[in-house]
N, C-alpha and C. Protein backbone atom coordinates (compact mmCIF):
# COMPACT_ATOMS: atom_id res chain seq x y z
N MET A 1 32.83 166.05 238.64
CA MET A 1 31.75 165.89 237.68
C MET A 1 31.94 166.97 236.62
N GLY A 2 31.94 166.53 235.35
CA GLY A 2 32.18 167.45 234.25
C GLY A 2 30.89 168.09 233.73
N ASP A 3 31.10 168.90 232.75
CA ASP A 3 30.00 169.59 232.09
C ASP A 3 29.15 168.57 231.31
N PRO A 4 27.81 168.55 231.49
CA PRO A 4 26.97 167.56 230.80
C PRO A 4 27.03 167.67 229.27
N ILE A 5 27.19 168.86 228.78
CA ILE A 5 27.25 169.03 227.31
C ILE A 5 28.52 168.40 226.77
N GLU A 6 29.64 168.60 227.49
CA GLU A 6 30.90 168.01 227.05
C GLU A 6 30.84 166.49 227.12
N GLU A 7 30.19 165.97 228.14
CA GLU A 7 30.06 164.52 228.27
C GLU A 7 29.25 163.93 227.11
N LEU A 8 28.15 164.62 226.74
CA LEU A 8 27.35 164.15 225.59
C LEU A 8 28.15 164.22 224.30
N ALA A 9 28.93 165.29 224.14
CA ALA A 9 29.75 165.44 222.93
C ALA A 9 30.80 164.35 222.86
N ASP A 10 31.45 164.06 224.01
CA ASP A 10 32.46 162.99 224.04
C ASP A 10 31.83 161.64 223.71
N GLU A 11 30.66 161.39 224.26
CA GLU A 11 29.96 160.12 224.02
C GLU A 11 29.58 159.98 222.55
N ALA A 12 29.08 161.08 221.96
CA ALA A 12 28.69 161.05 220.55
C ALA A 12 29.91 160.83 219.67
N THR A 13 31.04 161.47 220.02
CA THR A 13 32.26 161.29 219.25
C THR A 13 32.75 159.85 219.37
N HIS A 14 32.74 159.32 220.57
CA HIS A 14 33.17 157.94 220.79
C HIS A 14 32.31 156.96 220.00
N GLU A 15 30.99 157.14 220.04
CA GLU A 15 30.08 156.25 219.30
C GLU A 15 30.24 156.43 217.81
N GLY A 16 30.51 157.67 217.38
CA GLY A 16 30.67 157.93 215.95
C GLY A 16 31.88 157.23 215.38
N HIS A 17 32.96 157.13 216.18
CA HIS A 17 34.17 156.49 215.68
C HIS A 17 34.06 154.97 215.70
N HIS A 18 33.43 154.46 216.70
CA HIS A 18 33.37 153.01 216.83
C HIS A 18 32.07 152.42 216.31
N GLY A 19 31.01 153.18 216.30
CA GLY A 19 29.73 152.73 215.82
C GLY A 19 29.16 151.64 216.70
N LYS A 20 27.86 151.62 216.78
CA LYS A 20 27.18 150.59 217.57
C LYS A 20 26.45 149.68 216.59
N GLY A 21 26.74 148.44 216.63
CA GLY A 21 26.02 147.47 215.81
C GLY A 21 26.08 147.79 214.32
N PRO A 22 24.97 147.57 213.63
CA PRO A 22 24.94 147.71 212.17
C PRO A 22 24.67 149.14 211.69
N GLU A 23 24.52 150.10 212.61
CA GLU A 23 24.16 151.45 212.20
C GLU A 23 25.15 152.04 211.21
N LYS A 24 26.43 151.84 211.46
CA LYS A 24 27.46 152.39 210.57
C LYS A 24 27.33 151.79 209.17
N LYS A 25 27.10 150.49 209.09
CA LYS A 25 26.96 149.82 207.79
C LYS A 25 25.70 150.31 207.06
N ILE A 26 24.63 150.49 207.82
CA ILE A 26 23.39 150.99 207.21
C ILE A 26 23.59 152.41 206.70
N GLY A 27 24.30 153.22 207.49
CA GLY A 27 24.59 154.59 207.06
C GLY A 27 25.43 154.61 205.79
N LEU A 28 26.41 153.72 205.71
CA LEU A 28 27.24 153.61 204.51
C LEU A 28 26.40 153.15 203.31
N MET A 29 25.48 152.22 203.57
CA MET A 29 24.60 151.73 202.51
C MET A 29 23.73 152.88 201.99
N ILE A 30 23.24 153.72 202.88
CA ILE A 30 22.43 154.88 202.47
C ILE A 30 23.27 155.81 201.59
N ALA A 31 24.52 156.03 201.99
CA ALA A 31 25.39 156.92 201.20
C ALA A 31 25.60 156.38 199.79
N PHE A 32 25.87 155.07 199.68
CA PHE A 32 26.07 154.49 198.35
C PHE A 32 24.78 154.54 197.52
N MET A 33 23.67 154.27 198.17
CA MET A 33 22.40 154.33 197.42
C MET A 33 22.10 155.75 196.97
N ALA A 34 22.46 156.73 197.79
CA ALA A 34 22.26 158.13 197.39
C ALA A 34 23.12 158.46 196.17
N LEU A 35 24.33 157.92 196.12
CA LEU A 35 25.19 158.12 194.95
C LEU A 35 24.54 157.53 193.70
N PHE A 36 24.06 156.29 193.80
CA PHE A 36 23.43 155.66 192.64
C PHE A 36 22.12 156.36 192.27
N LEU A 37 21.41 156.87 193.25
CA LEU A 37 20.19 157.63 192.98
C LEU A 37 20.51 158.88 192.18
N ALA A 38 21.58 159.58 192.57
CA ALA A 38 21.99 160.78 191.84
C ALA A 38 22.34 160.44 190.39
N LEU A 39 23.06 159.34 190.18
CA LEU A 39 23.42 158.91 188.81
C LEU A 39 22.17 158.58 188.00
N SER A 40 21.23 157.88 188.62
CA SER A 40 20.00 157.50 187.94
C SER A 40 19.19 158.73 187.56
N GLU A 41 19.07 159.66 188.50
CA GLU A 41 18.30 160.88 188.23
C GLU A 41 18.95 161.71 187.12
N MET A 42 20.29 161.83 187.18
CA MET A 42 21.00 162.60 186.17
C MET A 42 20.81 162.00 184.77
N ASN A 43 20.98 160.69 184.67
CA ASN A 43 20.81 160.03 183.37
C ASN A 43 19.37 160.10 182.89
N GLY A 44 18.43 159.95 183.81
CA GLY A 44 17.02 160.04 183.44
C GLY A 44 16.67 161.40 182.88
N LYS A 45 17.16 162.46 183.53
CA LYS A 45 16.88 163.82 183.06
C LYS A 45 17.55 164.08 181.71
N GLU A 46 18.77 163.55 181.54
CA GLU A 46 19.46 163.72 180.26
C GLU A 46 18.66 163.10 179.12
N HIS A 47 18.19 161.87 179.33
CA HIS A 47 17.41 161.20 178.28
C HIS A 47 16.06 161.89 178.06
N GLN A 48 15.48 162.42 179.11
CA GLN A 48 14.23 163.15 178.98
C GLN A 48 14.45 164.41 178.14
N THR A 49 15.55 165.12 178.38
CA THR A 49 15.86 166.33 177.61
C THR A 49 16.09 166.00 176.14
N VAL A 50 16.85 164.95 175.88
CA VAL A 50 17.10 164.54 174.48
C VAL A 50 15.78 164.16 173.80
N ALA A 51 14.91 163.46 174.53
CA ALA A 51 13.63 163.05 173.96
C ALA A 51 12.76 164.26 173.63
N LEU A 52 12.72 165.22 174.54
CA LEU A 52 11.92 166.42 174.29
C LEU A 52 12.47 167.22 173.12
N ASN A 53 13.80 167.36 173.05
CA ASN A 53 14.41 168.07 171.92
C ASN A 53 14.15 167.35 170.60
N SER A 54 14.24 166.04 170.62
CA SER A 54 13.97 165.26 169.40
C SER A 54 12.51 165.42 168.98
N ASN A 55 11.61 165.46 169.95
CA ASN A 55 10.20 165.64 169.64
C ASN A 55 9.96 167.00 168.99
N ILE A 56 10.60 168.04 169.51
CA ILE A 56 10.45 169.38 168.94
C ILE A 56 11.02 169.43 167.52
N GLU A 57 12.21 168.85 167.35
CA GLU A 57 12.82 168.84 166.01
C GLU A 57 11.96 168.06 165.02
N ALA A 58 11.42 166.92 165.44
CA ALA A 58 10.56 166.12 164.55
C ALA A 58 9.30 166.91 164.20
N SER A 59 8.73 167.60 165.17
CA SER A 59 7.54 168.41 164.92
C SER A 59 7.85 169.52 163.91
N ASN A 60 9.01 170.15 164.06
CA ASN A 60 9.40 171.19 163.10
C ASN A 60 9.55 170.61 161.69
N LEU A 61 10.14 169.43 161.59
CA LEU A 61 10.28 168.81 160.27
C LEU A 61 8.93 168.44 159.67
N TRP A 62 8.00 167.94 160.51
CA TRP A 62 6.67 167.61 160.00
C TRP A 62 5.95 168.89 159.56
N ASN A 63 6.16 170.00 160.26
CA ASN A 63 5.56 171.28 159.83
C ASN A 63 6.13 171.72 158.48
N PHE A 64 7.44 171.56 158.32
CA PHE A 64 8.08 171.89 157.06
C PHE A 64 7.56 170.98 155.95
N TYR A 65 7.40 169.69 156.26
CA TYR A 65 6.84 168.72 155.32
C TYR A 65 5.44 169.15 154.88
N GLN A 66 4.64 169.57 155.86
CA GLN A 66 3.28 170.00 155.55
C GLN A 66 3.28 171.25 154.67
N ALA A 67 4.18 172.19 154.95
CA ALA A 67 4.28 173.40 154.13
C ALA A 67 4.69 173.05 152.70
N LYS A 68 5.63 172.13 152.56
CA LYS A 68 6.04 171.69 151.21
C LYS A 68 4.86 171.03 150.48
N THR A 69 4.08 170.24 151.21
CA THR A 69 2.92 169.57 150.61
C THR A 69 1.91 170.60 150.12
N ILE A 70 1.67 171.63 150.92
CA ILE A 70 0.72 172.69 150.52
C ILE A 70 1.23 173.41 149.29
N ARG A 71 2.52 173.77 149.28
CA ARG A 71 3.09 174.46 148.10
C ARG A 71 3.01 173.55 146.88
N GLN A 72 3.33 172.28 147.07
CA GLN A 72 3.30 171.32 145.96
C GLN A 72 1.88 171.19 145.40
N THR A 73 0.92 171.07 146.26
CA THR A 73 -0.48 170.94 145.84
C THR A 73 -0.95 172.21 145.13
N THR A 74 -0.56 173.35 145.67
CA THR A 74 -0.95 174.63 145.05
C THR A 74 -0.37 174.76 143.65
N LEU A 75 0.93 174.45 143.50
CA LEU A 75 1.55 174.54 142.17
C LEU A 75 0.96 173.52 141.20
N ARG A 76 0.72 172.31 141.67
CA ARG A 76 0.14 171.27 140.82
C ARG A 76 -1.25 171.69 140.34
N THR A 77 -2.06 172.21 141.25
CA THR A 77 -3.42 172.65 140.91
C THR A 77 -3.38 173.84 139.95
N THR A 78 -2.45 174.77 140.20
CA THR A 78 -2.32 175.94 139.32
C THR A 78 -1.89 175.52 137.92
N ALA A 79 -0.95 174.57 137.84
CA ALA A 79 -0.49 174.08 136.54
C ALA A 79 -1.63 173.38 135.80
N GLN A 80 -2.41 172.58 136.52
CA GLN A 80 -3.55 171.89 135.88
C GLN A 80 -4.60 172.88 135.42
N ALA A 81 -4.81 173.91 136.20
CA ALA A 81 -5.80 174.93 135.82
C ALA A 81 -5.32 175.68 134.57
N LEU A 82 -4.03 175.98 134.51
CA LEU A 82 -3.50 176.70 133.34
C LEU A 82 -3.59 175.84 132.08
N GLN A 83 -3.44 174.53 132.22
CA GLN A 83 -3.55 173.64 131.08
C GLN A 83 -4.95 173.68 130.45
N LEU A 84 -5.95 173.98 131.25
CA LEU A 84 -7.32 173.99 130.77
C LEU A 84 -7.70 175.29 130.08
N THR A 85 -6.84 176.28 130.17
CA THR A 85 -7.14 177.59 129.55
C THR A 85 -6.45 177.69 128.20
N PRO A 86 -6.90 178.63 127.35
CA PRO A 86 -6.22 178.84 126.06
C PRO A 86 -4.75 179.23 126.24
N GLN A 87 -4.41 179.94 127.33
CA GLN A 87 -3.02 180.33 127.57
C GLN A 87 -2.13 179.11 127.82
N GLY A 88 -2.70 178.03 128.31
CA GLY A 88 -1.93 176.82 128.57
C GLY A 88 -1.43 176.15 127.31
N SER A 89 -2.05 176.45 126.17
CA SER A 89 -1.64 175.87 124.89
C SER A 89 -0.53 176.66 124.23
N THR A 90 -0.29 177.88 124.69
CA THR A 90 0.76 178.71 124.08
C THR A 90 2.13 178.22 124.53
N GLU A 91 3.14 178.65 123.81
CA GLU A 91 4.53 178.28 124.16
C GLU A 91 4.90 178.79 125.54
N GLU A 92 4.51 180.03 125.83
CA GLU A 92 4.80 180.62 127.13
C GLU A 92 4.07 179.87 128.26
N GLY A 93 2.85 179.49 128.01
CA GLY A 93 2.07 178.74 129.00
C GLY A 93 2.68 177.37 129.26
N LYS A 94 3.13 176.70 128.20
CA LYS A 94 3.75 175.38 128.35
C LYS A 94 5.05 175.49 129.15
N LYS A 95 5.82 176.57 128.93
CA LYS A 95 7.06 176.78 129.68
C LYS A 95 6.74 176.98 131.17
N GLN A 96 5.69 177.75 131.45
CA GLN A 96 5.32 178.01 132.84
C GLN A 96 4.84 176.72 133.52
N ILE A 97 4.06 175.94 132.82
CA ILE A 97 3.58 174.66 133.37
C ILE A 97 4.76 173.74 133.65
N ALA A 98 5.72 173.69 132.74
CA ALA A 98 6.93 172.84 132.92
C ALA A 98 7.74 173.33 134.13
N ALA A 99 7.87 174.65 134.30
CA ALA A 99 8.61 175.21 135.45
C ALA A 99 7.91 174.84 136.76
N TRP A 100 6.60 174.95 136.75
CA TRP A 100 5.86 174.59 137.96
C TRP A 100 5.99 173.09 138.26
N GLN A 101 5.98 172.28 137.21
CA GLN A 101 6.12 170.83 137.41
C GLN A 101 7.50 170.49 137.97
N ARG A 102 8.54 171.22 137.51
CA ARG A 102 9.88 170.99 138.08
C ARG A 102 9.89 171.34 139.58
N ASP A 103 9.18 172.43 139.94
CA ASP A 103 9.09 172.80 141.36
C ASP A 103 8.32 171.73 142.15
N VAL A 104 7.25 171.22 141.56
CA VAL A 104 6.47 170.15 142.22
C VAL A 104 7.38 168.94 142.46
N ASP A 105 8.17 168.57 141.45
CA ASP A 105 9.08 167.43 141.58
C ASP A 105 10.17 167.71 142.62
N ARG A 106 10.67 168.95 142.64
CA ARG A 106 11.71 169.33 143.60
C ARG A 106 11.15 169.32 145.02
N TYR A 107 9.89 169.72 145.18
CA TYR A 107 9.29 169.67 146.52
C TYR A 107 9.13 168.22 146.99
N GLU A 108 8.96 167.31 146.08
CA GLU A 108 8.81 165.89 146.44
C GLU A 108 10.13 165.31 146.94
N THR A 109 11.20 165.53 146.19
CA THR A 109 12.51 165.03 146.61
C THR A 109 13.59 166.02 146.18
N GLU A 110 14.45 166.35 147.13
CA GLU A 110 15.52 167.31 146.88
C GLU A 110 16.76 166.86 147.66
N PRO A 111 17.46 165.83 147.13
CA PRO A 111 18.61 165.28 147.85
C PRO A 111 19.74 166.28 148.10
N SER A 112 19.89 167.26 147.22
CA SER A 112 21.00 168.21 147.37
C SER A 112 20.88 169.04 148.66
N THR A 113 19.65 169.38 149.05
CA THR A 113 19.44 170.17 150.28
C THR A 113 18.88 169.32 151.42
N ASN A 114 18.46 168.12 151.11
CA ASN A 114 17.85 167.21 152.09
C ASN A 114 16.54 167.81 152.65
N GLU A 115 15.85 168.59 151.79
CA GLU A 115 14.64 169.25 152.25
C GLU A 115 13.42 169.00 151.36
N GLY A 116 13.44 167.93 150.58
CA GLY A 116 12.24 167.52 149.87
C GLY A 116 11.31 166.79 150.83
N ARG A 117 10.08 166.58 150.41
CA ARG A 117 9.11 165.89 151.28
C ARG A 117 9.62 164.52 151.69
N LYS A 118 10.19 163.80 150.72
CA LYS A 118 10.69 162.45 150.99
C LYS A 118 11.80 162.50 152.06
N GLU A 119 12.74 163.43 151.92
CA GLU A 119 13.84 163.55 152.86
C GLU A 119 13.35 164.05 154.22
N LEU A 120 12.43 165.00 154.22
CA LEU A 120 11.89 165.52 155.48
C LEU A 120 11.18 164.42 156.26
N MET A 121 10.41 163.59 155.55
CA MET A 121 9.71 162.50 156.21
C MET A 121 10.70 161.52 156.84
N SER A 122 11.75 161.19 156.10
CA SER A 122 12.76 160.26 156.59
C SER A 122 13.46 160.83 157.83
N ARG A 123 13.84 162.10 157.79
CA ARG A 123 14.52 162.74 158.92
C ARG A 123 13.59 162.81 160.13
N ALA A 124 12.32 163.12 159.91
CA ALA A 124 11.36 163.21 161.03
C ALA A 124 11.17 161.85 161.69
N LYS A 125 11.11 160.79 160.89
CA LYS A 125 10.93 159.44 161.45
C LYS A 125 12.14 159.02 162.27
N VAL A 126 13.34 159.39 161.83
CA VAL A 126 14.55 159.08 162.60
C VAL A 126 14.49 159.80 163.95
N LEU A 127 14.08 161.06 163.94
CA LEU A 127 13.97 161.82 165.20
C LEU A 127 12.88 161.26 166.11
N GLU A 128 11.79 160.78 165.52
CA GLU A 128 10.73 160.18 166.33
C GLU A 128 11.23 158.89 167.00
N GLU A 129 12.02 158.12 166.28
CA GLU A 129 12.59 156.90 166.86
C GLU A 129 13.54 157.27 168.01
N LYS A 130 14.37 158.28 167.79
CA LYS A 130 15.28 158.75 168.83
C LYS A 130 14.50 159.23 170.05
N ARG A 131 13.40 159.94 169.81
CA ARG A 131 12.53 160.41 170.89
C ARG A 131 11.98 159.24 171.69
N ASP A 132 11.46 158.24 170.98
CA ASP A 132 10.85 157.09 171.65
C ASP A 132 11.86 156.31 172.49
N VAL A 133 13.05 156.10 171.95
CA VAL A 133 14.09 155.38 172.68
C VAL A 133 14.48 156.14 173.94
N ASN A 134 14.65 157.46 173.81
CA ASN A 134 15.07 158.25 174.96
C ASN A 134 13.97 158.39 176.00
N PHE A 135 12.71 158.49 175.58
CA PHE A 135 11.62 158.51 176.56
C PHE A 135 11.56 157.17 177.31
N ALA A 136 11.76 156.08 176.59
CA ALA A 136 11.74 154.75 177.24
C ALA A 136 12.86 154.66 178.27
N LYS A 137 14.05 155.14 177.91
CA LYS A 137 15.16 155.11 178.86
C LYS A 137 14.90 156.03 180.05
N SER A 138 14.31 157.17 179.78
CA SER A 138 14.00 158.11 180.87
C SER A 138 13.05 157.46 181.87
N HIS A 139 12.03 156.79 181.36
CA HIS A 139 11.08 156.11 182.24
C HIS A 139 11.74 154.95 182.98
N ALA A 140 12.65 154.26 182.31
CA ALA A 140 13.36 153.16 182.97
C ALA A 140 14.23 153.69 184.11
N TYR A 141 14.90 154.82 183.86
CA TYR A 141 15.70 155.43 184.94
C TYR A 141 14.81 155.87 186.09
N GLU A 142 13.60 156.33 185.80
CA GLU A 142 12.67 156.69 186.87
C GLU A 142 12.31 155.48 187.72
N THR A 143 12.15 154.33 187.08
CA THR A 143 11.87 153.10 187.82
C THR A 143 13.04 152.73 188.72
N SER A 144 14.25 152.84 188.18
CA SER A 144 15.45 152.58 188.97
C SER A 144 15.53 153.55 190.15
N SER A 145 15.28 154.82 189.90
CA SER A 145 15.32 155.83 190.97
C SER A 145 14.29 155.52 192.05
N LEU A 146 13.11 155.11 191.64
CA LEU A 146 12.06 154.78 192.60
C LEU A 146 12.52 153.64 193.53
N MET A 147 13.10 152.61 192.93
CA MET A 147 13.55 151.47 193.74
C MET A 147 14.64 151.91 194.73
N ILE A 148 15.56 152.73 194.27
CA ILE A 148 16.65 153.18 195.14
C ILE A 148 16.11 154.11 196.23
N GLN A 149 15.16 154.98 195.88
CA GLN A 149 14.56 155.87 196.89
C GLN A 149 13.85 155.06 197.96
N LEU A 150 13.10 154.06 197.55
CA LEU A 150 12.41 153.22 198.52
C LEU A 150 13.41 152.47 199.41
N ALA A 151 14.53 152.05 198.82
CA ALA A 151 15.56 151.37 199.59
C ALA A 151 16.16 152.31 200.64
N ILE A 152 16.35 153.58 200.28
CA ILE A 152 16.87 154.56 201.23
C ILE A 152 15.87 154.76 202.37
N VAL A 153 14.59 154.81 202.04
CA VAL A 153 13.56 154.95 203.07
C VAL A 153 13.59 153.74 204.01
N LEU A 154 13.68 152.55 203.45
CA LEU A 154 13.74 151.34 204.29
C LEU A 154 14.98 151.34 205.18
N SER A 155 16.10 151.82 204.66
CA SER A 155 17.31 151.91 205.48
C SER A 155 17.11 152.88 206.63
N SER A 156 16.47 153.98 206.34
CA SER A 156 16.19 154.97 207.40
C SER A 156 15.29 154.38 208.47
N VAL A 157 14.29 153.62 208.04
CA VAL A 157 13.40 152.96 209.00
C VAL A 157 14.20 151.97 209.84
N ALA A 158 15.13 151.26 209.21
CA ALA A 158 15.97 150.30 209.95
C ALA A 158 16.81 151.03 211.00
N LEU A 159 17.37 152.18 210.64
CA LEU A 159 18.16 152.95 211.59
C LEU A 159 17.32 153.44 212.76
N LEU A 160 16.12 153.93 212.45
CA LEU A 160 15.26 154.50 213.50
C LEU A 160 14.62 153.43 214.39
N SER A 161 14.26 152.30 213.78
CA SER A 161 13.55 151.27 214.54
C SER A 161 14.46 150.21 215.13
N GLY A 162 15.64 150.06 214.53
CA GLY A 162 16.53 149.00 214.99
C GLY A 162 16.13 147.63 214.48
N ILE A 163 15.14 147.55 213.61
CA ILE A 163 14.69 146.27 213.05
C ILE A 163 15.50 145.98 211.79
N LEU A 164 16.35 144.97 211.86
CA LEU A 164 17.26 144.67 210.75
C LEU A 164 16.56 144.13 209.51
N LEU A 165 15.35 143.64 209.66
CA LEU A 165 14.61 143.16 208.50
C LEU A 165 14.44 144.28 207.47
N PHE A 166 14.25 145.50 207.95
CA PHE A 166 14.14 146.64 207.03
C PHE A 166 15.46 146.88 206.30
N ALA A 167 16.56 146.67 206.98
CA ALA A 167 17.88 146.85 206.35
C ALA A 167 18.09 145.81 205.25
N PHE A 168 17.69 144.56 205.51
CA PHE A 168 17.83 143.51 204.49
C PHE A 168 16.92 143.79 203.29
N ALA A 169 15.69 144.23 203.58
CA ALA A 169 14.77 144.59 202.49
C ALA A 169 15.34 145.76 201.69
N SER A 170 15.94 146.71 202.39
CA SER A 170 16.55 147.86 201.74
C SER A 170 17.70 147.43 200.83
N ALA A 171 18.55 146.57 201.35
CA ALA A 171 19.70 146.09 200.57
C ALA A 171 19.23 145.35 199.32
N THR A 172 18.19 144.55 199.46
CA THR A 172 17.66 143.81 198.31
C THR A 172 17.07 144.75 197.27
N LEU A 173 16.22 145.65 197.72
CA LEU A 173 15.57 146.59 196.79
C LEU A 173 16.60 147.53 196.17
N GLY A 174 17.55 148.01 196.97
CA GLY A 174 18.60 148.88 196.45
C GLY A 174 19.46 148.17 195.43
N SER A 175 19.79 146.91 195.69
CA SER A 175 20.59 146.14 194.73
C SER A 175 19.85 145.96 193.42
N LEU A 176 18.56 145.67 193.51
CA LEU A 176 17.76 145.55 192.28
C LEU A 176 17.74 146.87 191.52
N GLY A 177 17.61 147.97 192.23
CA GLY A 177 17.62 149.28 191.59
C GLY A 177 18.94 149.57 190.91
N VAL A 178 20.05 149.19 191.54
CA VAL A 178 21.37 149.42 190.95
C VAL A 178 21.59 148.51 189.75
N VAL A 179 21.14 147.26 189.83
CA VAL A 179 21.24 146.34 188.68
C VAL A 179 20.42 146.90 187.52
N LEU A 180 19.26 147.39 187.82
CA LEU A 180 18.41 148.01 186.79
C LEU A 180 19.11 149.22 186.20
N LEU A 181 19.70 150.05 187.04
CA LEU A 181 20.44 151.23 186.58
C LEU A 181 21.56 150.83 185.63
N ALA A 182 22.33 149.82 186.00
CA ALA A 182 23.43 149.35 185.15
C ALA A 182 22.90 148.79 183.84
N GLY A 183 21.81 148.04 183.91
CA GLY A 183 21.23 147.46 182.70
C GLY A 183 20.75 148.52 181.72
N ILE A 184 20.20 149.60 182.25
CA ILE A 184 19.74 150.69 181.38
C ILE A 184 20.95 151.42 180.79
N TYR A 185 21.92 151.70 181.66
CA TYR A 185 23.10 152.46 181.23
C TYR A 185 23.85 151.72 180.13
N PHE A 186 24.03 150.41 180.32
CA PHE A 186 24.77 149.61 179.33
C PHE A 186 23.86 149.04 178.24
N ASP A 187 22.60 149.46 178.26
CA ASP A 187 21.62 149.12 177.22
C ASP A 187 21.50 147.60 177.04
N ILE A 188 21.32 146.90 178.13
CA ILE A 188 21.15 145.45 178.08
C ILE A 188 19.70 145.16 177.65
N PRO A 189 19.52 144.50 176.50
CA PRO A 189 18.18 144.31 175.95
C PRO A 189 17.20 143.63 176.92
N PHE A 190 17.67 142.66 177.68
CA PHE A 190 16.80 141.94 178.60
C PHE A 190 16.20 142.90 179.63
N ILE A 191 17.02 143.77 180.18
CA ILE A 191 16.55 144.74 181.18
C ILE A 191 15.57 145.72 180.54
N MET A 192 15.92 146.21 179.35
CA MET A 192 15.05 147.17 178.67
C MET A 192 13.71 146.52 178.32
N HIS A 193 13.76 145.26 177.94
CA HIS A 193 12.53 144.53 177.60
C HIS A 193 11.64 144.36 178.82
N LEU A 194 12.24 144.10 179.98
CA LEU A 194 11.46 143.95 181.22
C LEU A 194 10.68 145.21 181.55
N LEU A 195 11.21 146.35 181.16
CA LEU A 195 10.60 147.62 181.54
C LEU A 195 9.57 148.13 180.54
N HIS A 196 9.34 147.39 179.48
CA HIS A 196 8.35 147.84 178.50
C HIS A 196 7.09 147.05 178.61
C-alpha cells in the first residue's frame, strides 16, 4: 500500500492528461473566453481614454473660443464707445478704431493660425464627434465584456455542477459576445446600430 498523497497526485495527473467527460472542453472554452474578454476590456479602455482626452481637448477649445468672444466683444464695444466721443472723429481716433476692428475681424476668423472663433468652433465640434464615437465604442465593448463574463460564469457553473445545459448556454452567450466584439472592432454598422 502506497502513500495516500502520492496516490492522489497520480490520480490527479492521470485525470488531468486524459480528462473526464466534457470538463477539458469546458476548461478550454473558459480559456478562450478569457482571452476574448481581455481583448474586449483592453479595447474598451482604449476607446474610453481617447473619448476622455477628446472631451478635455474640446473643452479647452471651447474655453479658448469663449475667451476670444470676450476679447472680441470688449474691443467692439470699446471701438463703438470711442466713435461716440470727440476723439473718435480725429484722425488718430479713426486709426485706433480701424485697428480694433481688424482685431475684432481677426478674432472671428484667423486661418493662418487656425485660432479664430470660426476655426476653434470647427475644431471643437470635430473633437466632440470623436468623443461621442469613442464613448459609444467603449460602451459597446463593455456590453461585449459583460456577455463574455457571464459566459465564463456559466461555464464555471457547468464545471462545478456537471449540468451541461450551463455549458451550452455559456457557449451561446460567449459566442454572441465574441461576435459583438468582432463587430465593434471591425466597425460593422449593423452591430453598432444594435447597441445604440
